[in-house]
Amino acid sequence: MKPLRAFVLVVLASLASACAMQPVKQALPPIVGSAEANQAARAAKLATSPNWSMSGRIAVSNGKQGGSGRIEWKQDGMRYAATLSAPVTRQSWRVNGGPDGATIEGLSGGPRSGADASALVFEATRWRVPVNALGDWLLGLQRSGDVAHFGGDGRVERIEGEGWVVSYSDWRPVEGVELPGRIEAVQGAAKVRLVVDNWTLGVTPP
């Protein structure tokens, strides 16, 4: 057997073995009973964990331009801190906010503050991100005035609110409650996609 062919066969065998070792992801079983009751139970469970965090990947686009980066969201009761690393502009910036408004840091010109976090981010970066609602929408929870739609498995499939349509998939169990692994928010040409790598509940963010 020629050396090159032997090498190729070894590589292919290694790849096949590695693929065979990868665990097959099992879909969660359908919700038993009322979808609305299940959603209410989720909301009640999550209300007992007002401190939580998530980390993952984010992609943003405005119909003409787009890019991707990393996101970390830390919720501490009514306050939050969101860090986006290198989204499109190769810059990293951080938004700290709560009921009294928000401050964005890490952009040229120094920190900027405002009463509306979503408007502040748009003015500073020209990217539409529903910052004001993300604390709830990341968890798959509707806010006052939102409309939730459920899929055939009884889980939240999308939430419509504030001009945004937020779609959910890849639900997974996290510390006794189900949370989404993929989230997409669309408002006109603006689109935000999130793939969650890690959820942490019940821990006060540093």
C-alpha atoms as a PDB file:
ATOM      1  CA  MET A   1       0.000   0.000   0.000  1.00  0.00           C
ATOM      2  CA  LYS A   2       1.380   3.402  -0.927  1.00  0.00           C
ATOM      3  CA  PRO A   3       2.281   5.647   2.053  1.00  0.00           C
ATOM      4  CA  LEU A   4      -0.095   8.444   0.994  1.00  0.00           C
ATOM      5  CA  ARG A   5      -3.045   6.081   0.607  1.00  0.00           C
ATOM      6  CA  ALA A   6      -2.256   4.466   3.948  1.00  0.00           C
ATOM      7  CA  PHE A   7      -2.167   7.902   5.602  1.00  0.00           C
ATOM      8  CA  VAL A   8      -5.519   8.867   4.093  1.00  0.00           C
ATOM      9  CA  LEU A   9      -7.088   5.628   5.290  1.00  0.00           C
ATOM     10  CA  VAL A  10      -5.766   6.200   8.810  1.00  0.00           C
ATOM     11  CA  VAL A  11      -7.160   9.754   8.863  1.00  0.00           C
ATOM     12  CA  LEU A  12     -10.563   8.608   7.597  1.00  0.00           C
ATOM     13  CA  ALA A  13     -10.660   5.840  10.177  1.00  0.00           C
ATOM     14  CA  SER A  14      -9.797   8.313  12.921  1.00  0.00           C
ATOM     15  CA  LEU A  15     -12.527  10.690  11.799  1.00  0.00           C
ATOM     16  CA  ALA A  16     -15.074   7.879  11.680  1.00  0.00           C
ATOM     17  CA  SER A  17     -14.061   6.795  15.172  1.00  0.00           C
ATOM     18  CA  ALA A  18     -14.330  10.363  16.486  1.00  0.00           C
ATOM     19  CA  CYS A  19     -17.775  10.766  14.939  1.00  0.00           C
ATOM     20  CA  ALA A  20     -18.888   7.497  16.466  1.00  0.00           C
ATOM     21  CA  MET A  21     -17.791   8.728  19.893  1.00  0.00           C
ATOM     22  CA  GLN A  22     -19.845  11.937  19.655  1.00  0.00           C
ATOM     23  CA  PRO A  23     -22.981  11.673  21.823  1.00  0.00           C
ATOM     24  CA  VAL A  24     -26.258  11.830  19.936  1.00  0.00           C
ATOM     25  CA  LYS A  25     -28.333  14.738  21.185  1.00  0.00           C
ATOM     26  CA  GLN A  26     -31.752  13.575  22.305  1.00  0.00           C
ATOM     27  CA  ALA A  27     -34.764  15.788  21.674  1.00  0.00           C
ATOM     28  CA  LEU A  28     -36.792  16.629  24.755  1.00  0.00           C
ATOM     29  CA  PRO A  29     -40.142  14.831  24.987  1.00  0.00           C
ATOM     30  CA  PRO A  30     -43.305  16.859  24.250  1.00  0.00           C
ATOM     31  CA  ILE A  31     -44.883  18.820  27.081  1.00  0.00           C
ATOM     32  CA  VAL A  32     -47.653  16.915  28.819  1.00  0.00           C
ATOM     33  CA  GLY A  33     -50.721  19.048  29.527  1.00  0.00           C
ATOM     34  CA  SER A  34     -51.329  22.713  28.819  1.00  0.00           C
ATOM     35  CA  ALA A  35     -48.560  24.652  27.075  1.00  0.00           C
ATOM     36  CA  GLU A  36     -49.690  27.825  28.816  1.00  0.00           C
ATOM     37  CA  ALA A  37     -49.588  26.128  32.229  1.00  0.00           C
ATOM     38  CA  ASN A  38     -46.095  24.832  31.508  1.00  0.00           C
ATOM     39  CA  GLN A  39     -44.957  28.318  30.522  1.00  0.00           C
ATOM     40  CA  ALA A  40     -46.426  29.755  33.734  1.00  0.00           C
ATOM     41  CA  ALA A  41     -44.592  27.079  35.738  1.00  0.00           C
ATOM     42  CA  ARG A  42     -41.328  27.972  33.968  1.00  0.00           C
ATOM     43  CA  ALA A  43     -41.831  31.653  34.769  1.00  0.00           C
ATOM     44  CA  ALA A  44     -42.496  30.852  38.424  1.00  0.00           C
ATOM     45  CA  LYS A  45     -39.383  28.664  38.614  1.00  0.00           C
ATOM     46  CA  LEU A  46     -37.188  31.291  36.975  1.00  0.00           C
ATOM     47  CA  ALA A  47     -38.548  33.973  39.316  1.00  0.00           C
ATOM     48  CA  THR A  48     -36.805  32.104  42.145  1.00  0.00           C
ATOM     49  CA  SER A  49     -33.464  32.624  40.346  1.00  0.00           C
ATOM     50  CA  PRO A  50     -33.244  36.390  39.746  1.00  0.00           C
ATOM     51  CA  ASN A  51     -29.468  36.109  39.423  1.00  0.00           C
ATOM     52  CA  TRP A  52     -28.275  34.216  36.351  1.00  0.00           C
ATOM     53  CA  SER A  53     -25.871  34.383  33.452  1.00  0.00           C
ATOM     54  CA  MET A  54     -25.448  33.073  29.939  1.00  0.00           C
ATOM     55  CA  SER A  55     -22.609  33.054  27.451  1.00  0.00           C
ATOM     56  CA  GLY A  56     -22.600  32.240  23.790  1.00  0.00           C
ATOM     57  CA  ARG A  57     -22.210  33.455  20.242  1.00  0.00           C
ATOM     58  CA  ILE A  58     -24.034  36.345  18.616  1.00  0.00           C
ATOM     59  CA  ALA A  59     -24.544  37.383  14.991  1.00  0.00           C
ATOM     60  CA  VAL A  60     -26.108  40.688  13.995  1.00  0.00           C
ATOM     61  CA  SER A  61     -27.171  42.102  10.662  1.00  0.00           C
ATOM     62  CA  ASN A  62     -29.088  45.080   9.359  1.00  0.00           C
ATOM     63  CA  GLY A  63     -29.908  43.813   5.880  1.00  0.00           C
ATOM     64  CA  LYS A  64     -26.733  45.236   4.345  1.00  0.00           C
ATOM     65  CA  GLN A  65     -23.988  44.461   6.813  1.00  0.00           C
ATOM     66  CA  GLY A  66     -23.475  41.750   9.373  1.00  0.00           C
ATOM     67  CA  GLY A  67     -20.967  40.053  11.590  1.00  0.00           C
ATOM     68  CA  SER A  68     -20.542  37.903  14.651  1.00  0.00           C
ATOM     69  CA  GLY A  69     -18.877  37.774  18.040  1.00  0.00           C
ATOM     70  CA  ARG A  70     -19.273  36.590  21.618  1.00  0.00           C
ATOM     71  CA  ILE A  71     -21.873  37.651  24.168  1.00  0.00           C
ATOM     72  CA  GLU A  72     -22.031  37.354  27.944  1.00  0.00           C
ATOM     73  CA  TRP A  73     -25.171  38.401  29.797  1.00  0.00           C
ATOM     74  CA  LYS A  74     -25.228  38.641  33.591  1.00  0.00           C
ATOM     75  CA  GLN A  75     -28.495  39.374  35.362  1.00  0.00           C
ATOM     76  CA  ASP A  76     -28.530  40.539  38.989  1.00  0.00           C
ATOM     77  CA  GLY A  77     -32.152  41.088  39.914  1.00  0.00           C
ATOM     78  CA  MET A  78     -33.350  44.148  38.016  1.00  0.00           C
ATOM     79  CA  ARG A  79     -29.856  45.031  36.830  1.00  0.00           C
ATOM     80  CA  TYR A  80     -27.823  43.511  34.021  1.00  0.00           C
ATOM     81  CA  ALA A  81     -24.419  43.674  32.368  1.00  0.00           C
ATOM     82  CA  ALA A  82     -24.018  42.614  28.744  1.00  0.00           C
ATOM     83  CA  THR A  83     -20.606  42.274  27.123  1.00  0.00           C
ATOM     84  CA  LEU A  84     -20.257  41.889  23.358  1.00  0.00           C
ATOM     85  CA  SER A  85     -16.823  40.989  22.059  1.00  0.00           C
ATOM     86  CA  ALA A  86     -15.836  41.984  18.531  1.00  0.00           C
ATOM     87  CA  PRO A  87     -19.325  42.201  17.003  1.00  0.00           C
ATOM     88  CA  VAL A  88     -18.714  43.293  13.419  1.00  0.00           C
ATOM     89  CA  THR A  89     -16.513  46.283  14.303  1.00  0.00           C
ATOM     90  CA  ARG A  90     -13.782  44.210  15.978  1.00  0.00           C
ATOM     91  CA  GLN A  91     -14.477  46.199  19.126  1.00  0.00           C
ATOM     92  CA  SER A  92     -15.723  44.984  22.459  1.00  0.00           C
ATOM     93  CA  TRP A  93     -18.269  46.927  24.435  1.00  0.00           C
ATOM     94  CA  ARG A  94     -20.268  46.528  27.607  1.00  0.00           C
ATOM     95  CA  VAL A  95     -23.739  47.736  28.548  1.00  0.00           C
ATOM     96  CA  ASN A  96     -24.700  48.093  32.202  1.00  0.00           C
ATOM     97  CA  GLY A  97     -28.297  48.897  32.939  1.00  0.00           C
ATOM     98  CA  GLY A  98     -31.445  48.651  34.977  1.00  0.00           C
ATOM     99  CA  PRO A  99     -34.695  50.507  35.622  1.00  0.00           C
ATOM    100  CA  ASP A 100     -32.810  53.827  35.865  1.00  0.00           C
ATOM    101  CA  GLY A 101     -31.231  53.633  32.408  1.00  0.00           C
ATOM    102  CA  ALA A 102     -28.039  52.268  30.921  1.00  0.00           C
ATOM    103  CA  THR A 103     -24.391  53.059  30.210  1.00  0.00           C
ATOM    104  CA  ILE A 104     -22.334  51.731  27.311  1.00  0.00           C
ATOM    105  CA  GLU A 105     -18.559  51.509  27.615  1.00  0.00           C
ATOM    106  CA  GLY A 106     -15.698  50.490  25.360  1.00  0.00           C
ATOM    107  CA  LEU A 107     -16.388  52.695  22.333  1.00  0.00           C
ATOM    108  CA  SER A 108     -14.351  55.658  21.156  1.00  0.00           C
ATOM    109  CA  GLY A 109     -15.377  58.894  22.796  1.00  0.00           C
ATOM    110  CA  GLY A 110     -15.832  57.409  26.242  1.00  0.00           C
ATOM    111  CA  PRO A 111     -18.871  56.047  28.088  1.00  0.00           C
ATOM    112  CA  ARG A 112     -22.356  57.104  27.014  1.00  0.00           C
ATOM    113  CA  SER A 113     -25.504  56.965  29.123  1.00  0.00           C
ATOM    114  CA  GLY A 114     -29.197  57.129  28.366  1.00  0.00           C
ATOM    115  CA  ALA A 115     -32.643  56.188  29.613  1.00  0.00           C
ATOM    116  CA  ASP A 116     -33.321  53.688  26.795  1.00  0.00           C
ATOM    117  CA  ALA A 117     -30.681  50.952  26.494  1.00  0.00           C
ATOM    118  CA  SER A 118     -31.787  49.789  23.038  1.00  0.00           C
ATOM    119  CA  ALA A 119     -31.722  53.336  21.665  1.00  0.00           C
ATOM    120  CA  LEU A 120     -28.365  53.954  23.324  1.00  0.00           C
ATOM    121  CA  VAL A 121     -26.810  50.894  21.658  1.00  0.00           C
ATOM    122  CA  PHE A 122     -28.259  51.858  18.274  1.00  0.00           C
ATOM    123  CA  GLU A 123     -26.991  55.431  18.530  1.00  0.00           C
ATOM    124  CA  ALA A 124     -23.524  54.249  19.534  1.00  0.00           C
ATOM    125  CA  THR A 125     -23.129  51.253  17.193  1.00  0.00           C
ATOM    126  CA  ARG A 126     -25.895  51.537  14.541  1.00  0.00           C
ATOM    127  CA  TRP A 127     -26.952  47.967  15.382  1.00  0.00           C
ATOM    128  CA  ARG A 128     -30.477  47.227  16.530  1.00  0.00           C
ATOM    129  CA  VAL A 129     -30.399  44.922  19.563  1.00  0.00           C
ATOM    130  CA  PRO A 130     -33.491  44.639  21.834  1.00  0.00           C
ATOM    131  CA  VAL A 131     -31.453  45.230  24.990  1.00  0.00           C
ATOM    132  CA  ASN A 132     -34.424  46.442  27.049  1.00  0.00           C
ATOM    133  CA  ALA A 133     -36.279  43.152  26.620  1.00  0.00           C
ATOM    134  CA  LEU A 134     -33.423  40.654  26.453  1.00  0.00           C
ATOM    135  CA  GLY A 135     -33.448  39.920  30.176  1.00  0.00           C
ATOM    136  CA  ASP A 136     -36.807  38.195  29.656  1.00  0.00           C
ATOM    137  CA  TRP A 137     -36.548  37.120  26.036  1.00  0.00           C
ATOM    138  CA  LEU A 138     -33.283  35.244  26.556  1.00  0.00           C
ATOM    139  CA  LEU A 139     -35.121  33.054  29.068  1.00  0.00           C
ATOM    140  CA  GLY A 140     -38.043  32.540  26.695  1.00  0.00           C
ATOM    141  CA  LEU A 141     -40.400  34.642  28.806  1.00  0.00           C
ATOM    142  CA  GLN A 142     -42.906  37.132  27.453  1.00  0.00           C
ATOM    143  CA  ARG A 143     -43.159  40.657  28.828  1.00  0.00           C
ATOM    144  CA  SER A 144     -46.302  42.681  29.398  1.00  0.00           C
ATOM    145  CA  GLY A 145     -48.002  43.126  26.047  1.00  0.00           C
ATOM    146  CA  ASP A 146     -46.078  40.306  24.357  1.00  0.00           C
ATOM    147  CA  VAL A 147     -47.797  37.401  22.629  1.00  0.00           C
ATOM    148  CA  ALA A 148     -46.349  33.900  22.996  1.00  0.00           C
ATOM    149  CA  HIS A 149     -46.891  31.181  20.376  1.00  0.00           C
ATOM    150  CA  PHE A 150     -46.302  27.516  21.141  1.00  0.00           C
ATOM    151  CA  GLY A 151     -45.000  24.754  18.906  1.00  0.00           C
ATOM    152  CA  GLY A 152     -46.333  21.256  18.463  1.00  0.00           C
ATOM    153  CA  ASP A 153     -44.221  20.040  21.394  1.00  0.00           C
ATOM    154  CA  GLY A 154     -45.874  22.515  23.771  1.00  0.00           C
ATOM    155  CA  ARG A 155     -42.796  24.746  24.145  1.00  0.00           C
ATOM    156  CA  VAL A 156     -42.522  28.413  23.255  1.00  0.00           C
ATOM    157  CA  GLU A 157     -41.829  28.672  19.537  1.00  0.00           C
ATOM    158  CA  ARG A 158     -41.843  32.455  19.237  1.00  0.00           C
ATOM    159  CA  ILE A 159     -42.662  35.626  21.132  1.00  0.00           C
ATOM    160  CA  GLU A 160     -43.906  38.787  19.439  1.00  0.00           C
ATOM    161  CA  GLY A 161     -43.457  42.122  21.159  1.00  0.00           C
ATOM    162  CA  GLU A 162     -42.219  45.684  20.676  1.00  0.00           C
ATOM    163  CA  GLY A 163     -42.044  45.130  16.922  1.00  0.00           C
ATOM    164  CA  TRP A 164     -39.749  42.114  17.289  1.00  0.00           C
ATOM    165  CA  VAL A 165     -40.410  38.453  16.502  1.00  0.00           C
ATOM    166  CA  VAL A 166     -38.249  36.211  18.702  1.00  0.00           C
ATOM    167  CA  SER A 167     -37.954  32.544  17.704  1.00  0.00           C
ATOM    168  CA  TYR A 168     -36.702  29.699  19.912  1.00  0.00           C
ATOM    169  CA  SER A 169     -35.268  26.226  19.360  1.00  0.00           C
ATOM    170  CA  ASP A 170     -32.891  23.676  20.882  1.00  0.00           C
ATOM    171  CA  TRP A 171     -34.554  23.677  24.306  1.00  0.00           C
ATOM    172  CA  ARG A 172     -32.501  22.009  27.035  1.00  0.00           C
ATOM    173  CA  PRO A 173     -32.877  21.242  30.748  1.00  0.00           C
ATOM    174  CA  VAL A 174     -30.838  23.538  33.010  1.00  0.00           C
ATOM    175  CA  GLU A 175     -30.978  23.070  36.767  1.00  0.00           C
ATOM    176  CA  GLY A 176     -34.582  21.915  36.807  1.00  0.00           C
ATOM    177  CA  VAL A 177     -35.986  24.264  34.173  1.00  0.00           C
ATOM    178  CA  GLU A 178     -35.938  24.259  30.377  1.00  0.00           C
ATOM    179  CA  LEU A 179     -34.086  27.050  28.570  1.00  0.00           C
ATOM    180  CA  PRO A 180     -33.501  27.737  24.868  1.00  0.00           C
ATOM    181  CA  GLY A 181     -30.199  27.035  23.144  1.00  0.00           C
ATOM    182  CA  ARG A 182     -30.925  29.055  19.995  1.00  0.00           C
ATOM    183  CA  ILE A 183     -32.676  32.417  19.821  1.00  0.00           C
ATOM    184  CA  GLU A 184     -33.355  34.633  16.826  1.00  0.00           C
ATOM    185  CA  ALA A 185     -34.864  38.124  17.056  1.00  0.00           C
ATOM    186  CA  VAL A 186     -36.056  39.897  13.896  1.00  0.00           C
ATOM    187  CA  GLN A 187     -37.419  43.399  13.405  1.00  0.00           C
ATOM    188  CA  GLY A 188     -37.656  44.359   9.751  1.00  0.00           C
ATOM    189  CA  ALA A 189     -34.150  44.133   8.279  1.00  0.00           C
ATOM    190  CA  ALA A 190     -32.547  43.907  11.719  1.00  0.00           C
ATOM    191  CA  LYS A 191     -31.690  40.397  12.878  1.00  0.00           C
ATOM    192  CA  VAL A 192     -29.958  39.107  16.001  1.00  0.00           C
ATOM    193  CA  ARG A 193     -29.037  35.425  16.335  1.00  0.00           C
ATOM    194  CA  LEU A 194     -27.804  33.823  19.553  1.00  0.00           C
ATOM    195  CA  VAL A 195     -26.378  30.372  20.183  1.00  0.00           C
ATOM    196  CA  VAL A 196     -26.078  29.689  23.903  1.00  0.00           C
ATOM    197  CA  ASP A 197     -22.993  27.815  25.087  1.00  0.00           C
ATOM    198  CA  ASN A 198     -23.686  27.976  28.802  1.00  0.00           C
ATOM    199  CA  TRP A 199     -26.476  28.846  31.239  1.00  0.00           C
ATOM    200  CA  THR A 200     -25.948  29.408  34.983  1.00  0.00           C
ATOM    201  CA  LEU A 201     -28.886  29.928  37.334  1.00  0.00           C
ATOM    202  CA  GLY A 202     -29.015  31.036  40.956  1.00  0.00           C
ATOM    203  CA  VAL A 203     -25.503  32.497  41.100  1.00  0.00           C
ATOM    204  CA  THR A 204     -24.912  36.164  41.784  1.00  0.00           C
ATOM    205  CA  PRO A 205     -22.854  37.456  38.828  1.00  0.00           C
ATOM    206  CA  PRO A 206     -19.485  38.984  39.815  1.00  0.00           C
END
